[in-house]
Amino acid sequence: MCIENLFSPKVQTDKSVSRQQQADAARARADEEARQGRIREGTSAIDQAFAGFNDDFYKGRADAYQAYYEPQLQDQFDKARSNLLFALTRAGLVNSSVAADKQADLTKGFEDQRSQIISRALASANDQRARIAGQKSSLVGQLNATGDSTQAAQAALATSKQLAGEQPEYSPLGDIFAGVAAGIGNAAAAKGREDTYNAYFGRANTGRIVGG
């Protein structure tokens, strides 16, 4: 290239464009670094706002679930046991195999229901854990999109307060042990027929004559 071409308008324009591109690139890098810094700052604020949603928090929610339902279950069990004893006494079956079977069924039903309550309490806490994690993830997504750490911190604080203040809605426990005394009347009638048979015909097995 000739020396005079170095000072031509075209060469000078090319150099100017190159310098502008370099400046633009440097500014873009600086802007992105600043943006990433704000994102890190906002992410830290979100983590801090949600720090209280830890294992102890979810255990507390599971415990609250059990605390609501287990006393109801115990109360129903106690009443059902009393009703069963009354029905067995009235039918004269307190010391019978029927009584043993009914009491075993009642106890097994109680243990099964208690296990279900524990399982549902854990499931309820895990559902809440997933929902809160989803809320946190949504806030992080918004932060990454906007790069606004101030807005992210404010939104995280407001959301965490709302979530922490929510109280679960429980429905009263249904009648778990309904019908626990069912069939006792039939069992009493069967026992009565057996007693009658033994009273009138059982003697024949011993060689005695009825009325003799």
C-alpha atoms as a PDB file:
ATOM      1  CA  MET A   1       0.000   0.000   0.000  1.00  0.00           C
ATOM      2  CA  CYS A   2       1.258   3.418  -0.864  1.00  0.00           C
ATOM      3  CA  ILE A   3       2.085   5.843   1.916  1.00  0.00           C
ATOM      4  CA  GLU A   4      -0.509   8.259   0.694  1.00  0.00           C
ATOM      5  CA  ASN A   5      -3.144   5.546   0.974  1.00  0.00           C
ATOM      6  CA  LEU A   6      -2.523   5.313   4.719  1.00  0.00           C
ATOM      7  CA  PHE A   7      -3.945   8.770   5.076  1.00  0.00           C
ATOM      8  CA  SER A   8      -6.794   8.281   2.682  1.00  0.00           C
ATOM      9  CA  PRO A   9     -10.334   8.868   3.975  1.00  0.00           C
ATOM     10  CA  LYS A  10     -11.195   5.171   3.549  1.00  0.00           C
ATOM     11  CA  VAL A  11      -8.336   3.962   5.749  1.00  0.00           C
ATOM     12  CA  GLN A  12      -9.128   6.524   8.407  1.00  0.00           C
ATOM     13  CA  THR A  13     -12.795   5.510   8.327  1.00  0.00           C
ATOM     14  CA  ASP A  14     -11.903   1.829   8.714  1.00  0.00           C
ATOM     15  CA  LYS A  15      -9.748   2.617  11.751  1.00  0.00           C
ATOM     16  CA  SER A  16     -12.514   4.723  13.248  1.00  0.00           C
ATOM     17  CA  VAL A  17     -15.029   1.948  12.768  1.00  0.00           C
ATOM     18  CA  SER A  18     -12.640  -0.566  14.327  1.00  0.00           C
ATOM     19  CA  ARG A  19     -12.053   1.640  17.343  1.00  0.00           C
ATOM     20  CA  GLN A  20     -15.806   2.133  17.745  1.00  0.00           C
ATOM     21  CA  GLN A  21     -16.408  -1.594  17.566  1.00  0.00           C
ATOM     22  CA  GLN A  22     -13.760  -2.225  20.187  1.00  0.00           C
ATOM     23  CA  ALA A  23     -15.271   0.428  22.409  1.00  0.00           C
ATOM     24  CA  ASP A  24     -18.734  -1.015  21.937  1.00  0.00           C
ATOM     25  CA  ALA A  25     -17.470  -4.482  22.762  1.00  0.00           C
ATOM     26  CA  ALA A  26     -15.709  -3.230  25.876  1.00  0.00           C
ATOM     27  CA  ARG A  27     -18.840  -1.383  26.980  1.00  0.00           C
ATOM     28  CA  ALA A  28     -20.957  -4.481  26.347  1.00  0.00           C
ATOM     29  CA  ARG A  29     -18.572  -6.576  28.444  1.00  0.00           C
ATOM     30  CA  ALA A  30     -18.696  -4.018  31.231  1.00  0.00           C
ATOM     31  CA  ASP A  31     -22.486  -3.878  31.069  1.00  0.00           C
ATOM     32  CA  GLU A  32     -22.748  -7.666  31.176  1.00  0.00           C
ATOM     33  CA  GLU A  33     -20.319  -7.866  34.093  1.00  0.00           C
ATOM     34  CA  ALA A  34     -22.386  -5.271  35.929  1.00  0.00           C
ATOM     35  CA  ARG A  35     -25.559  -7.201  35.083  1.00  0.00           C
ATOM     36  CA  GLN A  36     -24.088 -10.459  36.342  1.00  0.00           C
ATOM     37  CA  GLY A  37     -23.080  -8.653  39.518  1.00  0.00           C
ATOM     38  CA  ARG A  38     -26.645  -7.466  40.031  1.00  0.00           C
ATOM     39  CA  ILE A  39     -27.917 -10.976  39.377  1.00  0.00           C
ATOM     40  CA  ARG A  40     -25.536 -12.381  41.988  1.00  0.00           C
ATOM     41  CA  GLU A  41     -26.659  -9.710  44.424  1.00  0.00           C
ATOM     42  CA  GLY A  42     -30.329 -10.402  43.708  1.00  0.00           C
ATOM     43  CA  THR A  43     -29.852 -14.166  43.971  1.00  0.00           C
ATOM     44  CA  SER A  44     -28.219 -13.702  47.363  1.00  0.00           C
ATOM     45  CA  ALA A  45     -31.178 -11.575  48.486  1.00  0.00           C
ATOM     46  CA  ILE A  46     -33.629 -14.244  47.302  1.00  0.00           C
ATOM     47  CA  ASP A  47     -31.688 -16.979  49.102  1.00  0.00           C
ATOM     48  CA  GLN A  48     -31.694 -14.921  52.281  1.00  0.00           C
ATOM     49  CA  ALA A  49     -35.435 -14.223  52.051  1.00  0.00           C
ATOM     50  CA  PHE A  50     -36.176 -17.943  51.633  1.00  0.00           C
ATOM     51  CA  ALA A  51     -33.620 -19.168  54.165  1.00  0.00           C
ATOM     52  CA  GLY A  52     -36.328 -19.849  56.731  1.00  0.00           C
ATOM     53  CA  PHE A  53     -37.935 -22.497  54.533  1.00  0.00           C
ATOM     54  CA  ASN A  54     -35.651 -25.248  55.745  1.00  0.00           C
ATOM     55  CA  ASP A  55     -36.124 -28.820  56.962  1.00  0.00           C
ATOM     56  CA  ASP A  56     -37.284 -27.640  60.377  1.00  0.00           C
ATOM     57  CA  PHE A  57     -39.977 -25.491  58.757  1.00  0.00           C
ATOM     58  CA  TYR A  58     -41.413 -28.388  56.750  1.00  0.00           C
ATOM     59  CA  LYS A  59     -41.153 -30.752  59.720  1.00  0.00           C
ATOM     60  CA  GLY A  60     -43.187 -28.220  61.674  1.00  0.00           C
ATOM     61  CA  ARG A  61     -45.857 -28.257  58.971  1.00  0.00           C
ATOM     62  CA  ALA A  62     -45.973 -32.058  59.014  1.00  0.00           C
ATOM     63  CA  ASP A  63     -46.192 -32.030  62.815  1.00  0.00           C
ATOM     64  CA  ALA A  64     -49.045 -29.519  62.643  1.00  0.00           C
ATOM     65  CA  TYR A  65     -50.937 -31.809  60.275  1.00  0.00           C
ATOM     66  CA  GLN A  66     -50.554 -34.722  62.666  1.00  0.00           C
ATOM     67  CA  ALA A  67     -51.456 -32.541  65.646  1.00  0.00           C
ATOM     68  CA  TYR A  68     -54.761 -31.687  63.957  1.00  0.00           C
ATOM     69  CA  TYR A  69     -55.803 -35.190  62.931  1.00  0.00           C
ATOM     70  CA  GLU A  70     -54.333 -37.548  65.544  1.00  0.00           C
ATOM     71  CA  PRO A  71     -56.444 -36.262  68.484  1.00  0.00           C
ATOM     72  CA  GLN A  72     -59.568 -36.674  66.341  1.00  0.00           C
ATOM     73  CA  LEU A  73     -58.534 -40.223  65.490  1.00  0.00           C
ATOM     74  CA  GLN A  74     -57.827 -41.028  69.147  1.00  0.00           C
ATOM     75  CA  ASP A  75     -61.166 -39.584  70.205  1.00  0.00           C
ATOM     76  CA  GLN A  76     -63.037 -41.625  67.601  1.00  0.00           C
ATOM     77  CA  PHE A  77     -61.121 -44.742  68.617  1.00  0.00           C
ATOM     78  CA  ASP A  78     -61.948 -44.293  72.291  1.00  0.00           C
ATOM     79  CA  LYS A  79     -65.645 -43.794  71.524  1.00  0.00           C
ATOM     80  CA  ALA A  80     -65.718 -46.730  69.138  1.00  0.00           C
ATOM     81  CA  ARG A  81     -64.080 -48.962  71.744  1.00  0.00           C
ATOM     82  CA  SER A  82     -66.649 -47.908  74.348  1.00  0.00           C
ATOM     83  CA  ASN A  83     -69.518 -48.495  71.922  1.00  0.00           C
ATOM     84  CA  LEU A  84     -68.112 -51.886  70.997  1.00  0.00           C
ATOM     85  CA  LEU A  85     -67.774 -52.930  74.629  1.00  0.00           C
ATOM     86  CA  PHE A  86     -71.344 -51.818  75.304  1.00  0.00           C
ATOM     87  CA  ALA A  87     -72.656 -53.778  72.329  1.00  0.00           C
ATOM     88  CA  LEU A  88     -70.685 -56.876  73.279  1.00  0.00           C
ATOM     89  CA  THR A  89     -71.874 -56.661  76.898  1.00  0.00           C
ATOM     90  CA  ARG A  90     -75.483 -56.264  75.865  1.00  0.00           C
ATOM     91  CA  ALA A  91     -75.145 -59.241  73.553  1.00  0.00           C
ATOM     92  CA  GLY A  92     -73.386 -61.337  76.172  1.00  0.00           C
ATOM     93  CA  LEU A  93     -70.308 -61.721  74.004  1.00  0.00           C
ATOM     94  CA  VAL A  94     -67.660 -59.951  76.057  1.00  0.00           C
ATOM     95  CA  ASN A  95     -65.499 -63.057  76.452  1.00  0.00           C
ATOM     96  CA  SER A  96     -66.268 -64.557  73.064  1.00  0.00           C
ATOM     97  CA  SER A  97     -64.198 -65.040  69.951  1.00  0.00           C
ATOM     98  CA  VAL A  98     -66.443 -62.421  68.338  1.00  0.00           C
ATOM     99  CA  ALA A  99     -65.252 -59.878  70.910  1.00  0.00           C
ATOM    100  CA  ALA A 100     -61.612 -60.785  70.309  1.00  0.00           C
ATOM    101  CA  ASP A 101     -62.026 -60.442  66.547  1.00  0.00           C
ATOM    102  CA  LYS A 102     -63.886 -57.140  66.793  1.00  0.00           C
ATOM    103  CA  GLN A 103     -61.351 -55.651  69.180  1.00  0.00           C
ATOM    104  CA  ALA A 104     -58.471 -56.790  66.974  1.00  0.00           C
ATOM    105  CA  ASP A 105     -60.139 -55.251  63.911  1.00  0.00           C
ATOM    106  CA  LEU A 106     -60.686 -51.998  65.791  1.00  0.00           C
ATOM    107  CA  THR A 107     -57.060 -51.805  66.929  1.00  0.00           C
ATOM    108  CA  LYS A 108     -55.775 -52.628  63.456  1.00  0.00           C
ATOM    109  CA  GLY A 109     -58.042 -49.959  61.977  1.00  0.00           C
ATOM    110  CA  PHE A 110     -56.646 -47.416  64.413  1.00  0.00           C
ATOM    111  CA  GLU A 111     -53.033 -48.268  63.582  1.00  0.00           C
ATOM    112  CA  ASP A 112     -53.727 -48.205  59.838  1.00  0.00           C
ATOM    113  CA  GLN A 113     -55.400 -44.811  60.071  1.00  0.00           C
ATOM    114  CA  ARG A 114     -52.584 -43.406  62.178  1.00  0.00           C
ATOM    115  CA  SER A 115     -50.037 -44.584  59.609  1.00  0.00           C
ATOM    116  CA  GLN A 116     -52.072 -42.906  56.876  1.00  0.00           C
ATOM    117  CA  ILE A 117     -52.136 -39.645  58.823  1.00  0.00           C
ATOM    118  CA  ILE A 118     -48.348 -39.716  59.179  1.00  0.00           C
ATOM    119  CA  SER A 119     -47.980 -40.448  55.471  1.00  0.00           C
ATOM    120  CA  ARG A 120     -50.382 -37.682  54.464  1.00  0.00           C
ATOM    121  CA  ALA A 121     -48.622 -35.241  56.803  1.00  0.00           C
ATOM    122  CA  LEU A 122     -45.310 -35.920  55.062  1.00  0.00           C
ATOM    123  CA  ALA A 123     -46.934 -35.640  51.624  1.00  0.00           C
ATOM    124  CA  SER A 124     -48.542 -32.331  52.589  1.00  0.00           C
ATOM    125  CA  ALA A 125     -45.197 -30.929  53.770  1.00  0.00           C
ATOM    126  CA  ASN A 126     -43.462 -32.124  50.599  1.00  0.00           C
ATOM    127  CA  ASP A 127     -46.158 -30.532  48.435  1.00  0.00           C
ATOM    128  CA  GLN A 128     -45.575 -27.259  50.219  1.00  0.00           C
ATOM    129  CA  ARG A 129     -41.817 -27.653  49.818  1.00  0.00           C
ATOM    130  CA  ALA A 130     -42.244 -28.090  46.056  1.00  0.00           C
ATOM    131  CA  ARG A 131     -44.604 -25.125  45.790  1.00  0.00           C
ATOM    132  CA  ILE A 132     -42.252 -22.803  47.691  1.00  0.00           C
ATOM    133  CA  ALA A 133     -39.300 -24.006  45.632  1.00  0.00           C
ATOM    134  CA  GLY A 134     -41.315 -23.167  42.531  1.00  0.00           C
ATOM    135  CA  GLN A 135     -41.985 -19.657  43.810  1.00  0.00           C
ATOM    136  CA  LYS A 136     -38.296 -19.140  44.508  1.00  0.00           C
ATOM    137  CA  SER A 137     -37.329 -20.476  41.082  1.00  0.00           C
ATOM    138  CA  SER A 138     -39.796 -18.095  39.447  1.00  0.00           C
ATOM    139  CA  LEU A 139     -38.220 -15.133  41.238  1.00  0.00           C
ATOM    140  CA  VAL A 140     -34.748 -16.190  40.114  1.00  0.00           C
ATOM    141  CA  GLY A 141     -36.038 -16.478  36.552  1.00  0.00           C
ATOM    142  CA  GLN A 142     -37.449 -12.964  36.692  1.00  0.00           C
ATOM    143  CA  LEU A 143     -34.165 -11.671  38.080  1.00  0.00           C
ATOM    144  CA  ASN A 144     -32.190 -13.278  35.265  1.00  0.00           C
ATOM    145  CA  ALA A 145     -34.539 -11.701  32.749  1.00  0.00           C
ATOM    146  CA  THR A 146     -34.500  -8.185  34.194  1.00  0.00           C
ATOM    147  CA  GLY A 147     -31.178  -7.973  36.045  1.00  0.00           C
ATOM    148  CA  ASP A 148     -32.974  -5.819  38.625  1.00  0.00           C
ATOM    149  CA  SER A 149     -31.573  -6.861  41.987  1.00  0.00           C
ATOM    150  CA  THR A 150     -33.585  -4.287  43.939  1.00  0.00           C
ATOM    151  CA  GLN A 151     -36.886  -5.439  42.525  1.00  0.00           C
ATOM    152  CA  ALA A 152     -35.881  -9.089  43.073  1.00  0.00           C
ATOM    153  CA  ALA A 153     -35.038  -8.470  46.729  1.00  0.00           C
ATOM    154  CA  GLN A 154     -38.336  -6.680  47.360  1.00  0.00           C
ATOM    155  CA  ALA A 155     -40.364  -9.364  45.594  1.00  0.00           C
ATOM    156  CA  ALA A 156     -38.552 -12.162  47.443  1.00  0.00           C
ATOM    157  CA  LEU A 157     -39.193 -10.557  50.827  1.00  0.00           C
ATOM    158  CA  ALA A 158     -42.880  -9.997  50.098  1.00  0.00           C
ATOM    159  CA  THR A 159     -43.353 -13.510  48.722  1.00  0.00           C
ATOM    160  CA  SER A 160     -41.549 -15.214  51.591  1.00  0.00           C
ATOM    161  CA  LYS A 161     -43.636 -13.328  54.154  1.00  0.00           C
ATOM    162  CA  GLN A 162     -46.829 -14.331  52.388  1.00  0.00           C
ATOM    163  CA  LEU A 163     -45.814 -17.982  52.170  1.00  0.00           C
ATOM    164  CA  ALA A 164     -44.699 -18.126  55.794  1.00  0.00           C
ATOM    165  CA  GLY A 165     -47.994 -16.627  56.934  1.00  0.00           C
ATOM    166  CA  GLU A 166     -50.195 -19.065  55.043  1.00  0.00           C
ATOM    167  CA  GLN A 167     -52.136 -21.460  57.225  1.00  0.00           C
ATOM    168  CA  PRO A 168     -53.165 -24.827  55.806  1.00  0.00           C
ATOM    169  CA  GLU A 169     -56.859 -25.650  55.578  1.00  0.00           C
ATOM    170  CA  TYR A 170     -57.832 -28.948  57.179  1.00  0.00           C
ATOM    171  CA  SER A 171     -61.096 -30.838  56.855  1.00  0.00           C
ATOM    172  CA  PRO A 172     -62.481 -32.660  59.899  1.00  0.00           C
ATOM    173  CA  LEU A 173     -61.798 -36.366  59.991  1.00  0.00           C
ATOM    174  CA  GLY A 174     -64.678 -38.502  58.764  1.00  0.00           C
ATOM    175  CA  ASP A 175     -66.295 -41.273  60.795  1.00  0.00           C
ATOM    176  CA  ILE A 176     -63.464 -43.790  60.649  1.00  0.00           C
ATOM    177  CA  PHE A 177     -64.934 -46.546  62.798  1.00  0.00           C
ATOM    178  CA  ALA A 178     -68.547 -46.471  61.670  1.00  0.00           C
ATOM    179  CA  GLY A 179     -70.106 -49.923  61.842  1.00  0.00           C
ATOM    180  CA  VAL A 180     -67.516 -51.331  64.225  1.00  0.00           C
ATOM    181  CA  ALA A 181     -70.306 -53.049  66.167  1.00  0.00           C
ATOM    182  CA  ALA A 182     -72.050 -54.308  63.034  1.00  0.00           C
ATOM    183  CA  GLY A 183     -72.883 -57.984  63.088  1.00  0.00           C
ATOM    184  CA  ILE A 184     -72.848 -58.293  66.859  1.00  0.00           C
ATOM    185  CA  GLY A 185     -76.630 -58.713  66.930  1.00  0.00           C
ATOM    186  CA  ASN A 186     -76.391 -61.563  64.457  1.00  0.00           C
ATOM    187  CA  ALA A 187     -73.551 -63.095  66.434  1.00  0.00           C
ATOM    188  CA  ALA A 188     -75.616 -62.833  69.618  1.00  0.00           C
ATOM    189  CA  ALA A 189     -78.561 -64.514  67.921  1.00  0.00           C
ATOM    190  CA  ALA A 190     -76.305 -67.305  66.685  1.00  0.00           C
ATOM    191  CA  LYS A 191     -74.882 -67.738  70.170  1.00  0.00           C
ATOM    192  CA  GLY A 192     -78.405 -67.834  71.566  1.00  0.00           C
ATOM    193  CA  ARG A 193     -79.350 -70.592  69.163  1.00  0.00           C
ATOM    194  CA  GLU A 194     -76.193 -72.476  70.069  1.00  0.00           C
ATOM    195  CA  ASP A 195     -76.922 -72.133  73.782  1.00  0.00           C
ATOM    196  CA  THR A 196     -80.474 -73.294  73.236  1.00  0.00           C
ATOM    197  CA  TYR A 197     -79.271 -76.297  71.264  1.00  0.00           C
ATOM    198  CA  ASN A 198     -76.745 -77.192  73.939  1.00  0.00           C
ATOM    199  CA  ALA A 199     -79.343 -76.786  76.672  1.00  0.00           C
ATOM    200  CA  TYR A 200     -81.838 -79.147  75.077  1.00  0.00           C
ATOM    201  CA  PHE A 201     -79.784 -81.491  72.986  1.00  0.00           C
ATOM    202  CA  GLY A 202     -76.356 -81.376  74.493  1.00  0.00           C
ATOM    203  CA  ARG A 203     -77.373 -83.764  77.221  1.00  0.00           C
ATOM    204  CA  ALA A 204     -77.973 -86.450  74.650  1.00  0.00           C
ATOM    205  CA  ASN A 205     -74.253 -86.615  74.122  1.00  0.00           C
ATOM    206  CA  THR A 206     -73.802 -87.489  77.781  1.00  0.00           C
ATOM    207  CA  GLY A 207     -76.466 -90.200  77.759  1.00  0.00           C
ATOM    208  CA  ARG A 208     -78.990 -88.166  79.748  1.00  0.00           C
ATOM    209  CA  ILE A 209     -82.593 -87.895  78.687  1.00  0.00           C
ATOM    210  CA  VAL A 210     -84.159 -84.516  78.469  1.00  0.00           C
ATOM    211  CA  GLY A 211     -86.621 -84.114  81.284  1.00  0.00           C
ATOM    212  CA  GLY A 212     -85.393 -87.309  82.907  1.00  0.00           C
END
